[in-house]
N, C-alpha and C. Protein backbone atom coordinates (compact mmCIF):
# COMPACT_ATOMS: atom_id res chain seq x y z
N MET A 1 35.35 38.32 25.27
CA MET A 1 34.44 38.62 24.15
C MET A 1 33.00 38.53 24.65
N SER A 2 32.22 39.55 24.36
CA SER A 2 30.83 39.56 24.81
C SER A 2 30.00 38.60 23.98
N GLU A 3 28.82 38.29 24.51
CA GLU A 3 27.92 37.37 23.80
C GLU A 3 27.52 37.93 22.45
N GLY A 4 27.32 39.27 22.40
CA GLY A 4 26.94 39.91 21.14
C GLY A 4 28.03 39.79 20.09
N GLN A 5 29.30 39.99 20.52
CA GLN A 5 30.43 39.86 19.59
C GLN A 5 30.57 38.42 19.11
N SER A 6 30.38 37.45 20.04
CA SER A 6 30.47 36.05 19.68
C SER A 6 29.41 35.68 18.66
N ASP A 7 28.19 36.16 18.88
CA ASP A 7 27.09 35.89 17.93
C ASP A 7 27.38 36.49 16.57
N ALA A 8 27.98 37.69 16.57
CA ALA A 8 28.28 38.36 15.31
C ALA A 8 29.35 37.59 14.54
N ARG A 9 30.40 37.12 15.22
CA ARG A 9 31.46 36.35 14.56
C ARG A 9 30.91 35.03 14.03
N TYR A 10 30.04 34.40 14.82
CA TYR A 10 29.42 33.15 14.38
C TYR A 10 28.61 33.40 13.10
N GLY A 11 27.83 34.47 13.10
CA GLY A 11 27.03 34.80 11.92
C GLY A 11 27.89 35.03 10.69
N GLU A 12 29.03 35.72 10.88
CA GLU A 12 29.94 35.96 9.76
C GLU A 12 30.51 34.66 9.21
N ARG A 13 30.92 33.77 10.12
CA ARG A 13 31.48 32.48 9.69
C ARG A 13 30.44 31.65 8.93
N MET A 14 29.22 31.65 9.44
CA MET A 14 28.17 30.87 8.78
C MET A 14 27.79 31.47 7.43
N GLN A 15 27.86 32.80 7.32
CA GLN A 15 27.58 33.44 6.03
C GLN A 15 28.63 33.04 5.01
N LYS A 16 29.90 33.02 5.41
CA LYS A 16 30.97 32.59 4.51
C LYS A 16 30.80 31.13 4.11
N LYS A 17 30.44 30.31 5.10
CA LYS A 17 30.23 28.88 4.81
C LYS A 17 29.06 28.70 3.85
N LYS A 18 27.99 29.47 4.04
CA LYS A 18 26.83 29.39 3.15
C LYS A 18 27.23 29.75 1.72
N GLU A 19 28.06 30.77 1.55
CA GLU A 19 28.50 31.16 0.21
C GLU A 19 29.29 30.04 -0.45
N ILE A 20 30.15 29.39 0.33
CA ILE A 20 30.94 28.28 -0.20
C ILE A 20 30.03 27.12 -0.60
N MET A 21 29.10 26.76 0.30
CA MET A 21 28.21 25.63 0.03
C MET A 21 27.28 25.92 -1.14
N ASP A 22 26.75 27.15 -1.20
CA ASP A 22 25.88 27.52 -2.32
C ASP A 22 26.62 27.40 -3.65
N SER A 23 27.90 27.79 -3.64
CA SER A 23 28.71 27.70 -4.86
C SER A 23 28.91 26.25 -5.26
N ARG A 24 29.23 25.40 -4.28
CA ARG A 24 29.44 23.98 -4.58
C ARG A 24 28.16 23.32 -5.08
N ILE A 25 27.05 23.65 -4.45
CA ILE A 25 25.75 23.08 -4.87
C ILE A 25 25.41 23.55 -6.28
N GLY A 26 25.71 24.82 -6.56
CA GLY A 26 25.43 25.36 -7.89
C GLY A 26 26.24 24.71 -8.99
N GLN A 27 27.42 24.19 -8.64
CA GLN A 27 28.29 23.53 -9.63
C GLN A 27 27.92 22.06 -9.84
N ALA A 28 27.11 21.50 -8.95
CA ALA A 28 26.73 20.08 -9.05
C ALA A 28 25.46 19.97 -9.89
N ASN A 29 25.64 19.96 -11.19
CA ASN A 29 24.49 19.96 -12.12
C ASN A 29 24.23 18.60 -12.76
N ASP A 30 25.13 17.65 -12.57
CA ASP A 30 24.99 16.34 -13.21
C ASP A 30 23.93 15.52 -12.47
N GLU A 31 22.94 15.05 -13.19
CA GLU A 31 21.88 14.24 -12.59
C GLU A 31 21.90 12.85 -13.24
N ARG A 32 22.28 11.85 -12.44
CA ARG A 32 22.39 10.49 -12.96
C ARG A 32 22.37 9.52 -11.79
N GLY A 33 22.23 8.24 -12.11
CA GLY A 33 22.29 7.22 -11.08
C GLY A 33 23.70 7.10 -10.54
N VAL A 34 23.80 6.76 -9.27
CA VAL A 34 25.12 6.62 -8.63
C VAL A 34 25.26 5.24 -8.01
N VAL A 35 26.52 4.82 -7.89
CA VAL A 35 26.86 3.56 -7.20
C VAL A 35 27.46 3.93 -5.85
N ILE A 36 26.90 3.38 -4.79
CA ILE A 36 27.33 3.66 -3.43
C ILE A 36 27.84 2.36 -2.81
N VAL A 37 29.01 2.40 -2.22
CA VAL A 37 29.59 1.22 -1.57
C VAL A 37 29.76 1.52 -0.08
N ASN A 38 29.14 0.69 0.76
CA ASN A 38 29.31 0.76 2.21
C ASN A 38 30.15 -0.45 2.62
N THR A 39 31.34 -0.19 3.14
CA THR A 39 32.23 -1.29 3.51
C THR A 39 32.88 -1.00 4.85
N GLY A 40 33.81 -1.84 5.26
CA GLY A 40 34.51 -1.64 6.52
C GLY A 40 34.10 -2.63 7.59
N THR A 41 34.80 -2.58 8.72
CA THR A 41 34.57 -3.54 9.81
C THR A 41 33.48 -3.10 10.78
N GLY A 42 33.00 -1.88 10.63
CA GLY A 42 32.02 -1.36 11.58
C GLY A 42 30.59 -1.78 11.26
N LYS A 43 29.74 -1.66 12.27
CA LYS A 43 28.32 -1.99 12.11
C LYS A 43 27.61 -0.87 11.35
N GLY A 44 26.59 -1.23 10.60
CA GLY A 44 25.73 -0.22 9.99
C GLY A 44 25.74 -0.18 8.48
N LYS A 45 26.50 -1.06 7.83
CA LYS A 45 26.58 -1.02 6.36
C LYS A 45 25.23 -1.37 5.73
N SER A 46 24.65 -2.50 6.14
CA SER A 46 23.34 -2.88 5.62
C SER A 46 22.26 -1.93 6.11
N SER A 47 22.37 -1.52 7.38
CA SER A 47 21.37 -0.61 7.94
C SER A 47 21.30 0.68 7.13
N ALA A 48 22.45 1.21 6.73
CA ALA A 48 22.47 2.42 5.91
C ALA A 48 21.82 2.14 4.55
N GLY A 49 22.10 0.97 3.99
CA GLY A 49 21.48 0.61 2.71
C GLY A 49 19.97 0.54 2.80
N PHE A 50 19.47 -0.06 3.88
CA PHE A 50 18.02 -0.15 4.03
C PHE A 50 17.40 1.20 4.36
N GLY A 51 18.18 2.08 4.96
CA GLY A 51 17.70 3.45 5.13
C GLY A 51 17.45 4.12 3.80
N MET A 52 18.32 3.83 2.82
CA MET A 52 18.12 4.38 1.47
C MET A 52 16.92 3.74 0.78
N VAL A 53 16.67 2.46 1.09
CA VAL A 53 15.46 1.82 0.56
C VAL A 53 14.23 2.57 1.05
N ALA A 54 14.19 2.87 2.35
CA ALA A 54 13.06 3.61 2.92
C ALA A 54 12.94 4.99 2.27
N ARG A 55 14.06 5.64 2.07
CA ARG A 55 14.05 6.97 1.47
C ARG A 55 13.48 6.91 0.05
N ALA A 56 13.92 5.93 -0.74
CA ALA A 56 13.41 5.80 -2.11
C ALA A 56 11.91 5.53 -2.12
N LEU A 57 11.46 4.66 -1.23
CA LEU A 57 10.02 4.37 -1.15
C LEU A 57 9.24 5.62 -0.77
N GLY A 58 9.82 6.46 0.08
CA GLY A 58 9.17 7.70 0.46
C GLY A 58 8.95 8.63 -0.72
N HIS A 59 9.77 8.48 -1.76
CA HIS A 59 9.62 9.27 -2.99
C HIS A 59 8.78 8.53 -4.04
N GLY A 60 8.19 7.40 -3.64
CA GLY A 60 7.35 6.66 -4.57
C GLY A 60 8.12 5.86 -5.60
N GLN A 61 9.39 5.60 -5.35
CA GLN A 61 10.22 4.88 -6.31
C GLN A 61 10.11 3.36 -6.12
N GLN A 62 10.44 2.63 -7.18
CA GLN A 62 10.50 1.18 -7.12
C GLN A 62 11.89 0.75 -6.68
N VAL A 63 11.95 -0.27 -5.83
CA VAL A 63 13.21 -0.71 -5.24
C VAL A 63 13.36 -2.22 -5.41
N GLY A 64 14.58 -2.66 -5.67
CA GLY A 64 14.90 -4.08 -5.69
C GLY A 64 15.98 -4.39 -4.68
N VAL A 65 15.81 -5.47 -3.92
CA VAL A 65 16.78 -5.89 -2.91
C VAL A 65 17.21 -7.32 -3.21
N VAL A 66 18.52 -7.54 -3.25
CA VAL A 66 19.07 -8.89 -3.34
C VAL A 66 20.06 -9.04 -2.19
N GLN A 67 19.82 -10.03 -1.33
CA GLN A 67 20.72 -10.29 -0.22
C GLN A 67 21.58 -11.50 -0.52
N PHE A 68 22.88 -11.27 -0.61
CA PHE A 68 23.86 -12.34 -0.78
C PHE A 68 24.25 -12.84 0.61
N ILE A 69 24.70 -14.10 0.69
CA ILE A 69 25.24 -14.68 1.92
C ILE A 69 24.17 -14.89 2.99
N LYS A 70 23.50 -13.83 3.40
CA LYS A 70 22.48 -13.93 4.45
C LYS A 70 21.33 -14.83 4.00
N GLY A 71 20.54 -15.30 4.95
CA GLY A 71 19.38 -16.07 4.57
C GLY A 71 18.96 -17.09 5.59
N LYS A 72 19.85 -17.44 6.50
CA LYS A 72 19.54 -18.50 7.45
C LYS A 72 18.62 -18.02 8.57
N PHE A 73 18.67 -16.73 8.88
CA PHE A 73 17.87 -16.21 9.97
C PHE A 73 16.97 -15.08 9.49
N ALA A 74 15.82 -14.93 10.16
CA ALA A 74 14.86 -13.88 9.80
C ALA A 74 15.36 -12.53 10.32
N THR A 75 15.10 -11.48 9.55
CA THR A 75 15.50 -10.14 9.96
C THR A 75 14.30 -9.20 9.94
N GLY A 76 14.41 -8.15 10.74
CA GLY A 76 13.34 -7.16 10.79
C GLY A 76 13.16 -6.43 9.48
N GLU A 77 14.28 -6.16 8.77
CA GLU A 77 14.16 -5.43 7.50
C GLU A 77 13.40 -6.26 6.47
N GLU A 78 13.65 -7.56 6.43
CA GLU A 78 12.91 -8.39 5.49
C GLU A 78 11.43 -8.42 5.84
N ALA A 79 11.13 -8.62 7.12
CA ALA A 79 9.73 -8.66 7.55
C ALA A 79 9.01 -7.36 7.21
N PHE A 80 9.70 -6.25 7.38
CA PHE A 80 9.07 -4.95 7.12
C PHE A 80 8.92 -4.67 5.63
N PHE A 81 10.03 -4.76 4.90
CA PHE A 81 10.00 -4.32 3.51
C PHE A 81 9.22 -5.27 2.61
N ARG A 82 9.05 -6.51 3.00
CA ARG A 82 8.19 -7.41 2.21
C ARG A 82 6.74 -6.97 2.25
N GLN A 83 6.37 -6.17 3.24
CA GLN A 83 5.01 -5.67 3.33
C GLN A 83 4.79 -4.41 2.50
N CYS A 84 5.87 -3.83 2.02
CA CYS A 84 5.79 -2.54 1.33
C CYS A 84 5.56 -2.71 -0.17
N ASP A 85 4.61 -1.94 -0.69
CA ASP A 85 4.44 -1.88 -2.14
C ASP A 85 5.68 -1.23 -2.74
N GLY A 86 6.07 -1.70 -3.88
CA GLY A 86 7.20 -1.09 -4.56
C GLY A 86 8.53 -1.75 -4.31
N VAL A 87 8.55 -2.84 -3.51
CA VAL A 87 9.81 -3.52 -3.20
C VAL A 87 9.79 -4.94 -3.75
N THR A 88 10.82 -5.29 -4.52
CA THR A 88 11.08 -6.66 -4.92
C THR A 88 12.22 -7.17 -4.05
N TYR A 89 11.99 -8.23 -3.27
CA TYR A 89 12.93 -8.64 -2.22
C TYR A 89 13.35 -10.09 -2.45
N HIS A 90 14.67 -10.31 -2.57
CA HIS A 90 15.19 -11.66 -2.79
C HIS A 90 16.27 -11.97 -1.75
N VAL A 91 16.04 -12.97 -0.92
CA VAL A 91 17.07 -13.46 0.01
C VAL A 91 17.66 -14.70 -0.64
N MET A 92 18.95 -14.61 -1.02
CA MET A 92 19.52 -15.63 -1.88
C MET A 92 20.63 -16.45 -1.22
N GLY A 93 21.02 -16.11 0.00
CA GLY A 93 22.09 -16.85 0.65
C GLY A 93 21.57 -17.95 1.54
N GLU A 94 22.49 -18.73 2.08
CA GLU A 94 22.13 -19.81 2.99
C GLU A 94 22.88 -19.69 4.32
N GLY A 95 23.45 -18.51 4.56
CA GLY A 95 24.17 -18.29 5.81
C GLY A 95 25.61 -17.91 5.58
N TYR A 96 26.24 -17.45 6.63
CA TYR A 96 27.64 -17.04 6.54
C TYR A 96 28.53 -18.25 6.24
N THR A 97 29.70 -17.95 5.67
CA THR A 97 30.56 -19.01 5.15
C THR A 97 31.01 -20.00 6.21
N TRP A 98 31.18 -19.53 7.45
CA TRP A 98 31.60 -20.46 8.51
C TRP A 98 30.48 -21.40 8.92
N GLU A 99 29.23 -21.05 8.49
CA GLU A 99 28.10 -21.94 8.77
C GLU A 99 27.87 -22.92 7.62
N THR A 100 27.97 -22.43 6.39
CA THR A 100 27.70 -23.29 5.24
C THR A 100 28.82 -24.29 5.00
N GLN A 101 30.07 -23.83 5.09
CA GLN A 101 31.25 -24.69 4.95
C GLN A 101 31.26 -25.48 3.64
N ASP A 102 30.73 -24.85 2.59
CA ASP A 102 30.64 -25.52 1.30
C ASP A 102 30.86 -24.47 0.21
N ARG A 103 32.10 -24.33 -0.23
CA ARG A 103 32.44 -23.28 -1.19
C ARG A 103 31.69 -23.44 -2.51
N GLU A 104 31.56 -24.68 -2.98
CA GLU A 104 30.87 -24.90 -4.26
C GLU A 104 29.42 -24.46 -4.16
N ARG A 105 28.75 -24.81 -3.07
CA ARG A 105 27.35 -24.42 -2.89
C ARG A 105 27.23 -22.91 -2.71
N ASP A 106 28.16 -22.32 -1.96
CA ASP A 106 28.14 -20.87 -1.77
C ASP A 106 28.31 -20.15 -3.10
N THR A 107 29.17 -20.68 -3.96
CA THR A 107 29.39 -20.09 -5.28
C THR A 107 28.12 -20.19 -6.13
N GLU A 108 27.48 -21.34 -6.09
CA GLU A 108 26.23 -21.53 -6.84
C GLU A 108 25.16 -20.54 -6.39
N MET A 109 25.03 -20.36 -5.08
CA MET A 109 24.03 -19.44 -4.55
C MET A 109 24.36 -18.00 -4.94
N ALA A 110 25.64 -17.63 -4.89
CA ALA A 110 26.04 -16.27 -5.28
C ALA A 110 25.75 -16.02 -6.76
N GLU A 111 26.01 -17.01 -7.59
CA GLU A 111 25.74 -16.87 -9.02
C GLU A 111 24.25 -16.73 -9.29
N ALA A 112 23.44 -17.49 -8.57
CA ALA A 112 21.98 -17.38 -8.72
C ALA A 112 21.51 -16.00 -8.25
N ALA A 113 22.11 -15.52 -7.17
CA ALA A 113 21.75 -14.18 -6.67
C ALA A 113 22.13 -13.11 -7.68
N TRP A 114 23.29 -13.30 -8.35
CA TRP A 114 23.68 -12.29 -9.33
C TRP A 114 22.74 -12.27 -10.53
N GLU A 115 22.19 -13.42 -10.88
CA GLU A 115 21.20 -13.44 -11.96
C GLU A 115 19.98 -12.61 -11.59
N LYS A 116 19.54 -12.70 -10.33
CA LYS A 116 18.43 -11.85 -9.86
C LYS A 116 18.84 -10.39 -9.92
N ALA A 117 20.07 -10.11 -9.46
CA ALA A 117 20.56 -8.74 -9.47
C ALA A 117 20.63 -8.20 -10.89
N ARG A 118 21.11 -9.01 -11.82
CA ARG A 118 21.23 -8.58 -13.22
C ARG A 118 19.87 -8.20 -13.79
N THR A 119 18.84 -8.97 -13.44
CA THR A 119 17.48 -8.64 -13.90
C THR A 119 17.05 -7.27 -13.41
N LEU A 120 17.33 -6.98 -12.15
CA LEU A 120 16.98 -5.67 -11.59
C LEU A 120 17.80 -4.56 -12.24
N LEU A 121 19.07 -4.85 -12.51
CA LEU A 121 19.96 -3.85 -13.11
C LEU A 121 19.62 -3.55 -14.57
N GLN A 122 18.74 -4.34 -15.15
CA GLN A 122 18.31 -4.11 -16.53
C GLN A 122 16.91 -3.51 -16.60
N ASP A 123 16.30 -3.27 -15.44
CA ASP A 123 14.90 -2.81 -15.38
C ASP A 123 14.85 -1.30 -15.12
N GLU A 124 14.44 -0.53 -16.12
CA GLU A 124 14.39 0.92 -15.99
C GLU A 124 13.36 1.39 -14.98
N SER A 125 12.39 0.54 -14.63
CA SER A 125 11.38 0.96 -13.66
C SER A 125 11.89 0.89 -12.22
N VAL A 126 13.03 0.24 -12.01
CA VAL A 126 13.61 0.12 -10.67
C VAL A 126 14.60 1.26 -10.46
N SER A 127 14.29 2.12 -9.50
CA SER A 127 15.12 3.31 -9.26
C SER A 127 16.31 3.04 -8.37
N LEU A 128 16.17 2.08 -7.43
CA LEU A 128 17.24 1.79 -6.48
C LEU A 128 17.38 0.28 -6.33
N VAL A 129 18.62 -0.20 -6.42
CA VAL A 129 18.91 -1.62 -6.21
C VAL A 129 19.87 -1.72 -5.03
N LEU A 130 19.49 -2.49 -4.02
CA LEU A 130 20.37 -2.76 -2.89
C LEU A 130 20.94 -4.17 -3.04
N LEU A 131 22.25 -4.25 -3.12
CA LEU A 131 22.95 -5.53 -3.23
C LEU A 131 23.66 -5.78 -1.90
N ASP A 132 22.92 -6.35 -0.96
CA ASP A 132 23.38 -6.49 0.41
C ASP A 132 24.38 -7.64 0.54
N GLU A 133 25.53 -7.34 1.12
CA GLU A 133 26.63 -8.30 1.34
C GLU A 133 27.27 -8.78 0.03
N LEU A 134 27.07 -8.06 -1.05
CA LEU A 134 27.74 -8.43 -2.31
C LEU A 134 29.26 -8.40 -2.13
N ASN A 135 29.76 -7.45 -1.34
CA ASN A 135 31.21 -7.34 -1.17
C ASN A 135 31.83 -8.64 -0.67
N ILE A 136 31.13 -9.34 0.20
CA ILE A 136 31.66 -10.61 0.73
C ILE A 136 31.75 -11.64 -0.38
N ALA A 137 30.71 -11.72 -1.21
CA ALA A 137 30.72 -12.67 -2.33
C ALA A 137 31.86 -12.36 -3.30
N LEU A 138 32.16 -11.07 -3.47
CA LEU A 138 33.27 -10.69 -4.35
C LEU A 138 34.61 -10.99 -3.70
N LYS A 139 34.72 -10.70 -2.42
CA LYS A 139 35.97 -10.96 -1.70
C LYS A 139 36.32 -12.44 -1.71
N LYS A 140 35.29 -13.30 -1.56
CA LYS A 140 35.50 -14.75 -1.57
C LYS A 140 35.65 -15.31 -2.97
N GLU A 141 35.51 -14.43 -3.97
CA GLU A 141 35.63 -14.80 -5.39
C GLU A 141 34.57 -15.81 -5.82
N TYR A 142 33.38 -15.65 -5.26
CA TYR A 142 32.24 -16.45 -5.73
C TYR A 142 31.73 -15.92 -7.06
N LEU A 143 32.02 -14.66 -7.35
CA LEU A 143 31.57 -14.01 -8.57
C LEU A 143 32.76 -13.39 -9.28
N ASP A 144 32.60 -13.21 -10.59
CA ASP A 144 33.64 -12.59 -11.40
C ASP A 144 33.50 -11.07 -11.31
N LEU A 145 34.49 -10.42 -10.71
CA LEU A 145 34.41 -8.98 -10.48
C LEU A 145 34.27 -8.17 -11.76
N PRO A 146 35.05 -8.44 -12.83
CA PRO A 146 34.86 -7.66 -14.07
C PRO A 146 33.44 -7.76 -14.62
N THR A 147 32.82 -8.93 -14.50
CA THR A 147 31.44 -9.09 -14.97
C THR A 147 30.49 -8.22 -14.14
N VAL A 148 30.68 -8.22 -12.82
CA VAL A 148 29.84 -7.40 -11.95
C VAL A 148 29.99 -5.93 -12.32
N ILE A 149 31.21 -5.47 -12.50
CA ILE A 149 31.45 -4.06 -12.83
C ILE A 149 30.83 -3.72 -14.19
N GLU A 150 30.94 -4.63 -15.14
CA GLU A 150 30.35 -4.41 -16.47
C GLU A 150 28.83 -4.30 -16.37
N ASP A 151 28.21 -5.17 -15.58
CA ASP A 151 26.75 -5.12 -15.42
C ASP A 151 26.31 -3.84 -14.72
N LEU A 152 27.09 -3.39 -13.75
CA LEU A 152 26.78 -2.12 -13.08
C LEU A 152 26.86 -0.96 -14.07
N ALA A 153 27.87 -0.98 -14.90
CA ALA A 153 28.06 0.10 -15.88
C ALA A 153 26.94 0.12 -16.92
N GLY A 154 26.34 -1.02 -17.19
CA GLY A 154 25.31 -1.12 -18.22
C GLY A 154 23.90 -0.88 -17.73
N ARG A 155 23.74 -0.54 -16.47
CA ARG A 155 22.40 -0.35 -15.91
C ARG A 155 21.76 0.93 -16.48
N PRO A 156 20.44 1.11 -16.28
CA PRO A 156 19.79 2.36 -16.74
C PRO A 156 20.45 3.59 -16.12
N SER A 157 20.49 4.67 -16.87
CA SER A 157 21.29 5.83 -16.49
C SER A 157 20.85 6.49 -15.19
N MET A 158 19.57 6.37 -14.81
CA MET A 158 19.09 7.02 -13.59
C MET A 158 18.96 6.06 -12.41
N GLN A 159 19.41 4.84 -12.59
CA GLN A 159 19.28 3.85 -11.51
C GLN A 159 20.43 3.96 -10.51
N HIS A 160 20.07 3.95 -9.23
CA HIS A 160 21.06 3.99 -8.15
C HIS A 160 21.30 2.58 -7.62
N VAL A 161 22.53 2.29 -7.20
CA VAL A 161 22.87 0.98 -6.66
C VAL A 161 23.63 1.18 -5.35
N VAL A 162 23.21 0.44 -4.32
CA VAL A 162 23.91 0.44 -3.04
C VAL A 162 24.47 -0.96 -2.81
N ILE A 163 25.76 -1.04 -2.53
CA ILE A 163 26.45 -2.31 -2.33
C ILE A 163 27.03 -2.32 -0.92
N THR A 164 26.76 -3.38 -0.16
CA THR A 164 27.24 -3.43 1.21
C THR A 164 28.13 -4.64 1.45
N GLY A 165 28.80 -4.63 2.59
CA GLY A 165 29.61 -5.77 3.02
C GLY A 165 31.06 -5.40 3.24
N ARG A 166 31.70 -6.17 4.10
CA ARG A 166 33.12 -5.96 4.38
C ARG A 166 33.97 -6.28 3.16
N GLY A 167 35.16 -5.72 3.15
CA GLY A 167 36.16 -6.12 2.16
C GLY A 167 35.84 -5.78 0.72
N ALA A 168 35.25 -4.61 0.47
CA ALA A 168 34.96 -4.23 -0.92
C ALA A 168 36.24 -4.24 -1.74
N PRO A 169 36.23 -4.87 -2.93
CA PRO A 169 37.42 -4.89 -3.78
C PRO A 169 37.81 -3.48 -4.24
N GLN A 170 39.08 -3.25 -4.38
CA GLN A 170 39.57 -1.93 -4.78
C GLN A 170 38.99 -1.50 -6.13
N ASP A 171 38.93 -2.42 -7.08
CA ASP A 171 38.41 -2.07 -8.41
C ASP A 171 36.96 -1.60 -8.33
N LEU A 172 36.17 -2.21 -7.44
CA LEU A 172 34.77 -1.79 -7.28
C LEU A 172 34.71 -0.40 -6.66
N MET A 173 35.54 -0.15 -5.66
CA MET A 173 35.54 1.17 -5.03
C MET A 173 35.96 2.25 -6.01
N GLU A 174 36.83 1.91 -6.93
CA GLU A 174 37.28 2.91 -7.91
C GLU A 174 36.18 3.32 -8.88
N VAL A 175 35.28 2.40 -9.23
CA VAL A 175 34.20 2.75 -10.16
C VAL A 175 32.98 3.31 -9.43
N ALA A 176 32.93 3.16 -8.10
CA ALA A 176 31.80 3.68 -7.33
C ALA A 176 31.85 5.21 -7.29
N ASP A 177 30.69 5.82 -7.09
CA ASP A 177 30.61 7.27 -6.96
C ASP A 177 30.81 7.72 -5.52
N THR A 178 30.33 6.92 -4.58
CA THR A 178 30.45 7.23 -3.15
C THR A 178 30.89 5.97 -2.43
N VAL A 179 31.92 6.09 -1.61
CA VAL A 179 32.40 4.95 -0.81
C VAL A 179 32.50 5.40 0.65
N THR A 180 31.89 4.61 1.53
CA THR A 180 31.98 4.87 2.97
C THR A 180 32.60 3.67 3.64
N ASP A 181 33.67 3.91 4.39
CA ASP A 181 34.35 2.86 5.14
C ASP A 181 33.95 3.01 6.61
N MET A 182 33.12 2.09 7.07
CA MET A 182 32.64 2.15 8.45
C MET A 182 33.62 1.41 9.36
N ARG A 183 34.26 2.15 10.24
CA ARG A 183 35.30 1.60 11.10
C ARG A 183 34.74 1.26 12.47
N LYS A 184 35.08 0.08 12.95
CA LYS A 184 34.60 -0.35 14.25
C LYS A 184 35.49 0.19 15.36
N GLU A 185 34.88 0.82 16.35
CA GLU A 185 35.59 1.20 17.57
C GLU A 185 35.36 0.14 18.65
N LYS A 186 34.11 -0.31 18.79
CA LYS A 186 33.76 -1.39 19.70
C LYS A 186 32.41 -1.94 19.28
N HIS A 187 32.11 -3.14 19.71
CA HIS A 187 30.84 -3.79 19.37
C HIS A 187 30.35 -4.58 20.57
N ALA A 188 29.07 -4.52 20.82
CA ALA A 188 28.48 -5.19 21.98
C ALA A 188 28.76 -6.69 21.99
N PHE A 189 28.88 -7.31 20.81
CA PHE A 189 29.14 -8.75 20.71
C PHE A 189 30.43 -9.12 21.44
N GLU A 190 31.42 -8.23 21.37
CA GLU A 190 32.70 -8.49 22.02
C GLU A 190 32.58 -8.54 23.54
N ALA A 191 31.50 -7.94 24.06
CA ALA A 191 31.25 -7.97 25.50
C ALA A 191 30.27 -9.06 25.86
N GLY A 192 29.99 -9.97 24.91
CA GLY A 192 29.12 -11.10 25.18
C GLY A 192 27.65 -10.86 24.96
N VAL A 193 27.29 -9.76 24.31
CA VAL A 193 25.89 -9.46 24.04
C VAL A 193 25.46 -10.14 22.74
N LYS A 194 24.45 -10.97 22.80
CA LYS A 194 23.99 -11.67 21.59
C LYS A 194 23.27 -10.72 20.65
N ALA A 195 23.12 -11.14 19.40
CA ALA A 195 22.42 -10.32 18.40
C ALA A 195 21.00 -10.02 18.87
N GLN A 196 20.61 -8.77 18.78
CA GLN A 196 19.33 -8.32 19.30
C GLN A 196 18.37 -7.97 18.17
N LYS A 197 17.08 -8.31 18.35
CA LYS A 197 16.06 -7.91 17.41
C LYS A 197 15.98 -6.38 17.37
N GLY A 198 15.88 -5.87 16.16
CA GLY A 198 15.82 -4.42 16.00
C GLY A 198 17.19 -3.77 15.96
N VAL A 199 18.25 -4.52 16.26
CA VAL A 199 19.60 -3.98 16.22
C VAL A 199 20.40 -4.73 15.16
N GLU A 200 20.62 -6.03 15.35
CA GLU A 200 21.28 -6.85 14.33
C GLU A 200 20.29 -7.68 13.51
N LEU A 201 19.15 -7.97 14.08
CA LEU A 201 18.19 -8.88 13.43
C LEU A 201 16.91 -8.14 13.04
């Protein structure tokens, strides 16, 4: 096949694909807030969530962040986004469960974090709410899942919510609009590489 024929076939395929995509885009007329869940064993769940925070800020939107579980160590995202106008940032955890080793205290902290989250979920001026590592708090049953789902359902109609963390409950994934399962193939930590600033921290 000559280069000209190859280019022509490619053009035909892309034209057909464009027609399909234009049709699908034309049918997507519903405009409302969505719930996005990033879960799985792979790296990047929180990073993707903070990417959406940056995107919302780029559109001049107000953003609220509540971090569950995390809190013992400083992170680049906290240092950066605390400097940004339009961000309400709450770090509500005291560290991962193997560090805290106190279920009662972990539950108290998760409940306090959910109260912060509930305030954001009731605020029409907040366009995007990031609930970082909420999935872990739900998996450990620090919070009542039906209550969380009810609060999500009652939020302002145009508000978007991003929920991160391993082990997202099935009921939460069922009510979410978008679910991404990030699968780990390999991780530098397994080769003895410590957490790096700008990568994990």
